[in-house]
Amino acid sequence: MSVGKFLSGLIVGTAVGGVIGILLAPQSGEETREFISEKSEEMYKNTEDSLKELQGKANDVIEDIQKKGDELLVKIQDLIKEKMEV
């Protein structure tokens, strides 16, 4: 499963669950609007935190791939040098 699909599912599931919860809650309109506002801010912050964490992990993976690619390039260059000396 890709990260994009997971995040999309998470966001849609959270939104649907929130809407159902709001519709079934016995509150006044003003209380409901306040609740929606609070939950929207909370969801935005959680999403922002998750994206920052995901970006950090992606950067770590990219750095690792670059390092391994550099190591492979050095090995290939060494092999080419070795073959040319023979």
Protein backbone atom coordinates (compact mmCIF):
# COMPACT_ATOMS: atom_id res chain seq x y z
CA MET A 1 0.00 0.00 0.00
CA SER A 2 1.40 3.39 -0.92
CA VAL A 3 1.74 6.15 1.63
CA GLY A 4 -0.44 8.45 -0.49
CA LYS A 5 -3.31 5.96 -0.50
CA PHE A 6 -2.95 5.43 3.24
CA LEU A 7 -3.02 9.17 3.98
CA SER A 8 -6.00 9.65 1.66
CA GLY A 9 -7.88 6.85 3.40
CA LEU A 10 -6.98 8.26 6.79
CA ILE A 11 -8.23 11.72 5.89
CA VAL A 12 -11.46 10.46 4.30
CA GLY A 13 -12.13 8.08 7.20
CA THR A 14 -11.56 10.84 9.74
CA ALA A 15 -13.85 13.19 7.85
CA VAL A 16 -16.65 10.63 7.48
CA GLY A 17 -16.39 9.60 11.12
CA GLY A 18 -16.46 13.21 12.20
CA VAL A 19 -19.53 14.03 10.13
CA ILE A 20 -21.41 11.00 11.44
CA GLY A 21 -20.47 11.87 15.00
CA ILE A 22 -21.63 15.45 14.57
CA LEU A 23 -24.93 14.45 12.99
CA LEU A 24 -25.73 11.99 15.76
CA ALA A 25 -24.70 14.25 18.65
CA PRO A 26 -27.51 16.01 20.57
CA GLN A 27 -26.04 19.53 20.54
CA SER A 28 -27.22 22.99 19.61
CA GLY A 29 -26.11 24.58 16.34
CA GLU A 30 -23.66 26.86 18.12
CA GLU A 31 -22.10 23.97 20.04
CA THR A 32 -21.89 21.96 16.84
CA ARG A 33 -20.14 24.80 14.97
CA GLU A 34 -17.66 25.20 17.84
CA PHE A 35 -17.05 21.46 17.87
CA ILE A 36 -16.48 21.44 14.10
CA SER A 37 -14.05 24.35 14.39
CA GLU A 38 -12.06 22.67 17.17
CA LYS A 39 -11.92 19.33 15.38
CA SER A 40 -10.92 20.97 12.10
CA GLU A 41 -8.00 22.71 13.79
CA GLU A 42 -7.02 19.47 15.53
CA MET A 43 -7.18 17.51 12.28
CA TYR A 44 -5.11 20.18 10.48
CA LYS A 45 -2.43 20.04 13.18
CA ASN A 46 -2.36 16.23 13.17
CA THR A 47 -2.12 16.15 9.39
CA GLU A 48 0.65 18.74 9.43
CA ASP A 49 2.59 16.76 12.05
CA SER A 50 2.12 13.52 10.08
CA LEU A 51 3.34 15.17 6.88
CA LYS A 52 6.43 16.56 8.63
CA GLU A 53 7.21 13.10 10.01
CA LEU A 54 6.65 11.52 6.61
CA GLN A 55 8.88 14.12 4.96
CA GLY A 56 11.64 13.39 7.48
CA LYS A 57 11.40 9.67 6.81
CA ALA A 58 11.41 10.24 3.05
CA ASN A 59 14.52 12.41 3.36
CA ASP A 60 16.24 9.67 5.36
CA VAL A 61 15.39 7.09 2.68
CA ILE A 62 16.62 9.40 -0.10
CA GLU A 63 19.90 10.01 1.73
CA ASP A 64 20.36 6.27 2.22
CA ILE A 65 19.70 5.59 -1.46
CA GLN A 66 22.16 8.32 -2.49
CA LYS A 67 24.82 6.91 -0.17
CA LYS A 68 24.36 3.39 -1.52
CA GLY A 69 24.41 4.72 -5.08
CA ASP A 70 27.68 6.54 -4.41
CA GLU A 71 29.18 3.38 -2.90
CA LEU A 72 28.08 1.36 -5.93
CA LEU A 73 29.56 3.94 -8.30
CA VAL A 74 32.92 3.74 -6.50
CA LYS A 75 32.87 -0.07 -6.74
CA ILE A 76 32.07 0.07 -10.44
CA GLN A 77 34.84 2.59 -11.07
CA ASP A 78 37.29 0.38 -9.14
CA LEU A 79 36.26 -2.65 -11.22
CA ILE A 80 36.70 -0.71 -14.45
CA LYS A 81 40.15 0.48 -13.35
CA GLU A 82 41.08 -3.05 -12.39
CA LYS A 83 39.99 -4.47 -15.77
CA MET A 84 41.82 -1.76 -17.69
CA GLU A 85 45.07 -2.52 -15.85
CA VAL A 86 44.95 -6.18 -16.84
